[in-house]
PDB file of all heavy atoms in Angstrom:
ATOM      1  N   THR A   1      -4.819  -9.521  19.051  1.00  0.00           N
ATOM      2  CA  THR A   1      -3.693  -8.738  19.580  1.00  0.00           C
ATOM      3  C   THR A   1      -3.660  -8.707  21.105  1.00  0.00           C
ATOM      4  O   THR A   1      -2.652  -8.306  21.683  1.00  0.00           O
ATOM      5  CB  THR A   1      -3.766  -7.293  19.071  1.00  0.00           C
ATOM      6  OG1 THR A   1      -4.957  -6.667  19.590  1.00  0.00           O
ATOM      7  CG2 THR A   1      -3.815  -7.248  17.547  1.00  0.00           C
ATOM      8  N   ARG A   2      -4.762  -9.112  21.735  1.00  0.00           N
ATOM      9  CA  ARG A   2      -4.887  -9.018  23.197  1.00  0.00           C
ATOM     10  C   ARG A   2      -4.593  -7.606  23.690  1.00  0.00           C
ATOM     11  O   ARG A   2      -4.069  -7.392  24.771  1.00  0.00           O
ATOM     12  CB  ARG A   2      -3.974 -10.037  23.890  1.00  0.00           C
ATOM     13  CG  ARG A   2      -4.281 -11.468  23.528  1.00  0.00           C
ATOM     14  CD  ARG A   2      -3.458 -12.438  24.346  1.00  0.00           C
ATOM     15  NE  ARG A   2      -3.721 -13.811  23.949  1.00  0.00           N
ATOM     16  CZ  ARG A   2      -4.756 -14.525  24.345  1.00  0.00           C
ATOM     17  NH1 ARG A   2      -5.631 -13.971  25.160  1.00  0.00           N
ATOM     18  NH2 ARG A   2      -4.933 -15.756  23.946  1.00  0.00           N
ATOM     19  N   ASP A   3      -4.927  -6.656  22.810  1.00  0.00           N
ATOM     20  CA  ASP A   3      -4.689  -5.243  23.123  1.00  0.00           C
ATOM     21  C   ASP A   3      -5.977  -4.481  22.875  1.00  0.00           C
ATOM     22  O   ASP A   3      -6.442  -4.381  21.736  1.00  0.00           O
ATOM     23  CB  ASP A   3      -3.563  -4.691  22.249  1.00  0.00           C
ATOM     24  CG  ASP A   3      -3.263  -3.220  22.550  1.00  0.00           C
ATOM     25  OD1 ASP A   3      -3.871  -2.665  23.490  1.00  0.00           O
ATOM     26  OD2 ASP A   3      -2.424  -2.643  21.842  1.00  0.00           O
ATOM     27  N   ALA A   4      -6.565  -3.958  23.934  1.00  0.00           N
ATOM     28  CA  ALA A   4      -7.844  -3.258  23.810  1.00  0.00           C
ATOM     29  C   ALA A   4      -7.725  -2.020  22.940  1.00  0.00           C
ATOM     30  O   ALA A   4      -8.719  -1.510  22.428  1.00  0.00           O
ATOM     31  CB  ALA A   4      -8.373  -2.877  25.190  1.00  0.00           C
ATOM     32  N   LYS A   5      -6.476  -1.530  22.765  1.00  0.00           N
ATOM     33  CA  LYS A   5      -6.282  -0.309  21.982  1.00  0.00           C
ATOM     34  C   LYS A   5      -6.135  -0.573  20.492  1.00  0.00           C
ATOM     35  O   LYS A   5      -6.146   0.365  19.700  1.00  0.00           O
ATOM     36  CB  LYS A   5      -5.042   0.434  22.479  1.00  0.00           C
ATOM     37  CG  LYS A   5      -5.150   0.937  23.917  1.00  0.00           C
ATOM     38  CD  LYS A   5      -3.885   1.688  24.312  1.00  0.00           C
ATOM     39  CE  LYS A   5      -3.990   2.218  25.733  1.00  0.00           C
ATOM     40  NZ  LYS A   5      -2.761   2.961  26.125  1.00  0.00           N
ATOM     41  N   SER A   6      -5.969  -1.816  20.096  1.00  0.00           N
ATOM     42  CA  SER A   6      -5.716  -2.128  18.694  1.00  0.00           C
ATOM     43  C   SER A   6      -6.908  -1.754  17.814  1.00  0.00           C
ATOM     44  O   SER A   6      -8.071  -2.001  18.170  1.00  0.00           O
ATOM     45  CB  SER A   6      -5.425  -3.621  18.533  1.00  0.00           C
ATOM     46  OG  SER A   6      -5.290  -3.948  17.167  1.00  0.00           O
ATOM     47  N   LEU A   7      -6.614  -1.158  16.666  1.00  0.00           N
ATOM     48  CA  LEU A   7      -7.664  -0.737  15.731  1.00  0.00           C
ATOM     49  C   LEU A   7      -7.433  -1.303  14.329  1.00  0.00           C
ATOM     50  O   LEU A   7      -8.066  -0.861  13.379  1.00  0.00           O
ATOM     51  CB  LEU A   7      -7.699   0.796  15.657  1.00  0.00           C
ATOM     52  CG  LEU A   7      -8.141   1.529  16.916  1.00  0.00           C
ATOM     53  CD1 LEU A   7      -7.719   2.991  16.852  1.00  0.00           C
ATOM     54  CD2 LEU A   7      -9.650   1.436  17.091  1.00  0.00           C
ATOM     55  N   VAL A   8      -6.550  -2.280  14.214  1.00  0.00           N
ATOM     56  CA  VAL A   8      -6.155  -2.779  12.894  1.00  0.00           C
ATOM     57  C   VAL A   8      -7.353  -3.301  12.112  1.00  0.00           C
ATOM     58  O   VAL A   8      -7.590  -2.914  10.958  1.00  0.00           O
ATOM     59  CB  VAL A   8      -5.079  -3.880  13.033  1.00  0.00           C
ATOM     60  CG1 VAL A   8      -4.783  -4.495  11.659  1.00  0.00           C
ATOM     61  CG2 VAL A   8      -3.813  -3.311  13.642  1.00  0.00           C
ATOM     62  N   CYS A   9      -8.116  -4.183  12.699  1.00  0.00           N
ATOM     63  CA  CYS A   9      -9.256  -4.773  11.985  1.00  0.00           C
ATOM     64  C   CYS A   9     -10.362  -3.751  11.749  1.00  0.00           C
ATOM     65  O   CYS A   9     -10.974  -3.716  10.685  1.00  0.00           O
ATOM     66  CB  CYS A   9      -9.797  -5.970  12.767  1.00  0.00           C
ATOM     67  SG  CYS A   9      -8.657  -7.370  12.813  1.00  0.00           S
ATOM     68  N   ARG A  10     -10.629  -2.912  12.736  1.00  0.00           N
ATOM     69  CA  ARG A  10     -11.672  -1.894  12.562  1.00  0.00           C
ATOM     70  C   ARG A  10     -11.291  -0.892  11.474  1.00  0.00           C
ATOM     71  O   ARG A  10     -12.132  -0.501  10.660  1.00  0.00           O
ATOM     72  CB  ARG A  10     -11.920  -1.179  13.893  1.00  0.00           C
ATOM     73  CG  ARG A  10     -12.886  -1.908  14.804  1.00  0.00           C
ATOM     74  CD  ARG A  10     -12.918  -1.323  16.185  1.00  0.00           C
ATOM     75  NE  ARG A  10     -11.722  -1.711  16.946  1.00  0.00           N
ATOM     76  CZ  ARG A  10     -11.514  -1.394  18.216  1.00  0.00           C
ATOM     77  NH1 ARG A  10     -12.405  -0.661  18.867  1.00  0.00           N
ATOM     78  NH2 ARG A  10     -10.425  -1.798  18.837  1.00  0.00           N
ATOM     79  N   ASN A  11     -10.039  -0.486  11.443  1.00  0.00           N
ATOM     80  CA  ASN A  11      -9.603   0.418  10.377  1.00  0.00           C
ATOM     81  C   ASN A  11      -9.698  -0.251   9.017  1.00  0.00           C
ATOM     82  O   ASN A  11     -10.035   0.396   8.024  1.00  0.00           O
ATOM     83  CB  ASN A  11      -8.164   0.883  10.638  1.00  0.00           C
ATOM     84  CG  ASN A  11      -8.080   1.929  11.733  1.00  0.00           C
ATOM     85  OD1 ASN A  11      -9.095   2.459  12.183  1.00  0.00           O
ATOM     86  ND2 ASN A  11      -6.875   2.228  12.183  1.00  0.00           N
ATOM     87  N   SER A  12      -9.404  -1.541   8.953  1.00  0.00           N
ATOM     88  CA  SER A  12      -9.506  -2.273   7.688  1.00  0.00           C
ATOM     89  C   SER A  12     -10.950  -2.328   7.205  1.00  0.00           C
ATOM     90  O   SER A  12     -11.233  -2.140   6.023  1.00  0.00           O
ATOM     91  CB  SER A  12      -8.941  -3.690   7.848  1.00  0.00           C
ATOM     92  OG  SER A  12      -7.567  -3.657   8.165  1.00  0.00           O
ATOM     93  N   VAL A  13     -11.858  -2.579   8.131  1.00  0.00           N
ATOM     94  CA  VAL A  13     -13.287  -2.582   7.767  1.00  0.00           C
ATOM     95  C   VAL A  13     -13.716  -1.212   7.260  1.00  0.00           C
ATOM     96  O   VAL A  13     -14.443  -1.097   6.271  1.00  0.00           O
ATOM     97  CB  VAL A  13     -14.143  -3.010   8.981  1.00  0.00           C
ATOM     98  CG1 VAL A  13     -15.625  -2.706   8.735  1.00  0.00           C
ATOM     99  CG2 VAL A  13     -13.948  -4.486   9.263  1.00  0.00           C
ATOM    100  N   LEU A  14     -13.247  -0.164   7.931  1.00  0.00           N
ATOM    101  CA  LEU A  14     -13.597   1.196   7.522  1.00  0.00           C
ATOM    102  C   LEU A  14     -13.072   1.496   6.123  1.00  0.00           C
ATOM    103  O   LEU A  14     -13.782   2.091   5.304  1.00  0.00           O
ATOM    104  CB  LEU A  14     -13.042   2.199   8.534  1.00  0.00           C
ATOM    105  CG  LEU A  14     -13.296   3.684   8.267  1.00  0.00           C
ATOM    106  CD1 LEU A  14     -14.780   3.960   8.049  1.00  0.00           C
ATOM    107  CD2 LEU A  14     -12.752   4.535   9.409  1.00  0.00           C
ATOM    108  N   VAL A  15     -11.859   1.080   5.817  1.00  0.00           N
ATOM    109  CA  VAL A  15     -11.303   1.308   4.483  1.00  0.00           C
ATOM    110  C   VAL A  15     -12.086   0.539   3.428  1.00  0.00           C
ATOM    111  O   VAL A  15     -12.450   1.092   2.378  1.00  0.00           O
ATOM    112  CB  VAL A  15      -9.810   0.906   4.443  1.00  0.00           C
ATOM    113  CG1 VAL A  15      -9.303   0.887   3.003  1.00  0.00           C
ATOM    114  CG2 VAL A  15      -8.970   1.867   5.268  1.00  0.00           C
ATOM    115  N   VAL A  16     -12.363  -0.732   3.685  1.00  0.00           N
ATOM    116  CA  VAL A  16     -13.081  -1.554   2.698  1.00  0.00           C
ATOM    117  C   VAL A  16     -14.466  -0.980   2.427  1.00  0.00           C
ATOM    118  O   VAL A  16     -14.884  -0.850   1.269  1.00  0.00           O
ATOM    119  CB  VAL A  16     -13.178  -3.015   3.199  1.00  0.00           C
ATOM    120  CG1 VAL A  16     -14.126  -3.816   2.306  1.00  0.00           C
ATOM    121  CG2 VAL A  16     -11.797  -3.669   3.203  1.00  0.00           C
ATOM    122  N   PHE A  17     -15.187  -0.618   3.468  1.00  0.00           N
ATOM    123  CA  PHE A  17     -16.523  -0.054   3.271  1.00  0.00           C
ATOM    124  C   PHE A  17     -16.454   1.307   2.590  1.00  0.00           C
ATOM    125  O   PHE A  17     -17.343   1.666   1.814  1.00  0.00           O
ATOM    126  CB  PHE A  17     -17.270   0.042   4.602  1.00  0.00           C
ATOM    127  CG  PHE A  17     -18.053  -1.186   4.944  1.00  0.00           C
ATOM    128  CD1 PHE A  17     -17.425  -2.292   5.514  1.00  0.00           C
ATOM    129  CD2 PHE A  17     -19.408  -1.265   4.678  1.00  0.00           C
ATOM    130  CE1 PHE A  17     -18.142  -3.437   5.815  1.00  0.00           C
ATOM    131  CE2 PHE A  17     -20.135  -2.405   4.976  1.00  0.00           C
ATOM    132  CZ  PHE A  17     -19.498  -3.506   5.546  1.00  0.00           C
ATOM    133  N   SER A  18     -15.408   2.065   2.862  1.00  0.00           N
ATOM    134  CA  SER A  18     -15.245   3.365   2.196  1.00  0.00           C
ATOM    135  C   SER A  18     -15.026   3.181   0.697  1.00  0.00           C
ATOM    136  O   SER A  18     -15.589   3.916  -0.117  1.00  0.00           O
ATOM    137  CB  SER A  18     -14.059   4.127   2.813  1.00  0.00           C
ATOM    138  OG  SER A  18     -14.307   4.449   4.163  1.00  0.00           O
ATOM    139  N   LEU A  19     -14.233   2.194   0.331  1.00  0.00           N
ATOM    140  CA  LEU A  19     -14.000   1.927  -1.088  1.00  0.00           C
ATOM    141  C   LEU A  19     -15.259   1.419  -1.766  1.00  0.00           C
ATOM    142  O   LEU A  19     -15.561   1.792  -2.909  1.00  0.00           O
ATOM    143  CB  LEU A  19     -12.857   0.919  -1.245  1.00  0.00           C
ATOM    144  CG  LEU A  19     -11.475   1.397  -0.769  1.00  0.00           C
ATOM    145  CD1 LEU A  19     -10.440   0.290  -0.936  1.00  0.00           C
ATOM    146  CD2 LEU A  19     -11.034   2.648  -1.526  1.00  0.00           C
ATOM    147  N   VAL A  20     -16.003   0.582  -1.080  1.00  0.00           N
ATOM    148  CA  VAL A  20     -17.283   0.109  -1.632  1.00  0.00           C
ATOM    149  C   VAL A  20     -18.246   1.276  -1.807  1.00  0.00           C
ATOM    150  O   VAL A  20     -18.930   1.396  -2.827  1.00  0.00           O
ATOM    151  CB  VAL A  20     -17.902  -0.973  -0.718  1.00  0.00           C
ATOM    152  CG1 VAL A  20     -19.330  -1.290  -1.152  1.00  0.00           C
ATOM    153  CG2 VAL A  20     -17.047  -2.232  -0.738  1.00  0.00           C
ATOM    154  N   PHE A  21     -18.299   2.147  -0.797  1.00  0.00           N
ATOM    155  CA  PHE A  21     -19.171   3.320  -0.844  1.00  0.00           C
ATOM    156  C   PHE A  21     -18.849   4.183  -2.060  1.00  0.00           C
ATOM    157  O   PHE A  21     -19.739   4.614  -2.794  1.00  0.00           O
ATOM    158  CB  PHE A  21     -18.991   4.124   0.449  1.00  0.00           C
ATOM    159  CG  PHE A  21     -19.742   5.419   0.494  1.00  0.00           C
ATOM    160  CD1 PHE A  21     -21.076   5.453   0.853  1.00  0.00           C
ATOM    161  CD2 PHE A  21     -19.119   6.629   0.186  1.00  0.00           C
ATOM    162  CE1 PHE A  21     -21.778   6.659   0.906  1.00  0.00           C
ATOM    163  CE2 PHE A  21     -19.801   7.823   0.238  1.00  0.00           C
ATOM    164  CZ  PHE A  21     -21.136   7.841   0.597  1.00  0.00           C
ATOM    165  N   TYR A  22     -17.553   4.445  -2.289  1.00  0.00           N
ATOM    166  CA  TYR A  22     -17.158   5.288  -3.420  1.00  0.00           C
ATOM    167  C   TYR A  22     -17.368   4.561  -4.739  1.00  0.00           C
ATOM    168  O   TYR A  22     -17.868   5.142  -5.707  1.00  0.00           O
ATOM    169  CB  TYR A  22     -15.689   5.695  -3.273  1.00  0.00           C
ATOM    170  CG  TYR A  22     -15.283   6.790  -4.237  1.00  0.00           C
ATOM    171  CD1 TYR A  22     -15.647   8.109  -3.987  1.00  0.00           C
ATOM    172  CD2 TYR A  22     -14.552   6.516  -5.382  1.00  0.00           C
ATOM    173  CE1 TYR A  22     -15.285   9.127  -4.859  1.00  0.00           C
ATOM    174  CE2 TYR A  22     -14.193   7.528  -6.263  1.00  0.00           C
ATOM    175  CZ  TYR A  22     -14.560   8.827  -5.999  1.00  0.00           C
ATOM    176  OH  TYR A  22     -14.219   9.830  -6.870  1.00  0.00           O
ATOM    177  N   ALA A  23     -17.008   3.281  -4.787  1.00  0.00           N
ATOM    178  CA  ALA A  23     -17.127   2.517  -6.032  1.00  0.00           C
ATOM    179  C   ALA A  23     -18.582   2.281  -6.421  1.00  0.00           C
ATOM    180  O   ALA A  23     -18.871   1.995  -7.592  1.00  0.00           O
ATOM    181  CB  ALA A  23     -16.403   1.182  -5.901  1.00  0.00           C
ATOM    182  N   TRP A  24     -19.496   2.423  -5.475  1.00  0.00           N
ATOM    183  CA  TRP A  24     -20.920   2.197  -5.761  1.00  0.00           C
ATOM    184  C   TRP A  24     -21.406   3.132  -6.872  1.00  0.00           C
ATOM    185  O   TRP A  24     -22.181   2.744  -7.731  1.00  0.00           O
ATOM    186  CB  TRP A  24     -21.736   2.408  -4.497  1.00  0.00           C
ATOM    187  CG  TRP A  24     -23.144   1.901  -4.585  1.00  0.00           C
ATOM    188  CD1 TRP A  24     -24.257   2.607  -4.944  1.00  0.00           C
ATOM    189  CD2 TRP A  24     -23.575   0.571  -4.307  1.00  0.00           C
ATOM    190  NE1 TRP A  24     -25.366   1.812  -4.914  1.00  0.00           N
ATOM    191  CE2 TRP A  24     -24.981   0.545  -4.523  1.00  0.00           C
ATOM    192  CE3 TRP A  24     -22.934  -0.594  -3.909  1.00  0.00           C
ATOM    193  CZ2 TRP A  24     -25.736  -0.612  -4.333  1.00  0.00           C
ATOM    194  CZ3 TRP A  24     -23.684  -1.742  -3.714  1.00  0.00           C
ATOM    195  CH2 TRP A  24     -25.061  -1.741  -3.929  1.00  0.00           C
ATOM    196  N   GLY A  25     -20.934   4.355  -6.860  1.00  0.00           N
ATOM    197  CA  GLY A  25     -21.337   5.301  -7.901  1.00  0.00           C
ATOM    198  C   GLY A  25     -20.225   5.602  -8.879  1.00  0.00           C
ATOM    199  O   GLY A  25     -20.466   6.119  -9.966  1.00  0.00           O
ATOM    200  N   GLU A  26     -18.970   5.304  -8.500  1.00  0.00           N
ATOM    201  CA  GLU A  26     -17.804   5.623  -9.333  1.00  0.00           C
ATOM    202  C   GLU A  26     -16.872   4.406  -9.410  1.00  0.00           C
ATOM    203  O   GLU A  26     -15.749   4.430  -8.914  1.00  0.00           O
ATOM    204  CB  GLU A  26     -17.043   6.804  -8.733  1.00  0.00           C
ATOM    205  CG  GLU A  26     -17.854   8.072  -8.623  1.00  0.00           C
ATOM    206  CD  GLU A  26     -17.920   8.822  -9.944  1.00  0.00           C
ATOM    207  OE1 GLU A  26     -17.073   8.583 -10.816  1.00  0.00           O
ATOM    208  OE2 GLU A  26     -18.828   9.650 -10.097  1.00  0.00           O
ATOM    209  N   PRO A  27     -17.303   3.293 -10.034  1.00  0.00           N
ATOM    210  CA  PRO A  27     -16.475   2.072 -10.023  1.00  0.00           C
ATOM    211  C   PRO A  27     -15.125   2.230 -10.696  1.00  0.00           C
ATOM    212  O   PRO A  27     -14.163   1.565 -10.322  1.00  0.00           O
ATOM    213  CB  PRO A  27     -17.348   1.050 -10.767  1.00  0.00           C
ATOM    214  CG  PRO A  27     -18.333   1.865 -11.543  1.00  0.00           C
ATOM    215  CD  PRO A  27     -18.574   3.104 -10.753  1.00  0.00           C
TER     216      PRO A  27
END
């Protein structure tokens, strides 16, 4: 994005890891 403020990829990583975290005990 050439934008230091962009959080698109970081937010995506956070969502994916959050779903993995929850699915680990509650698939």
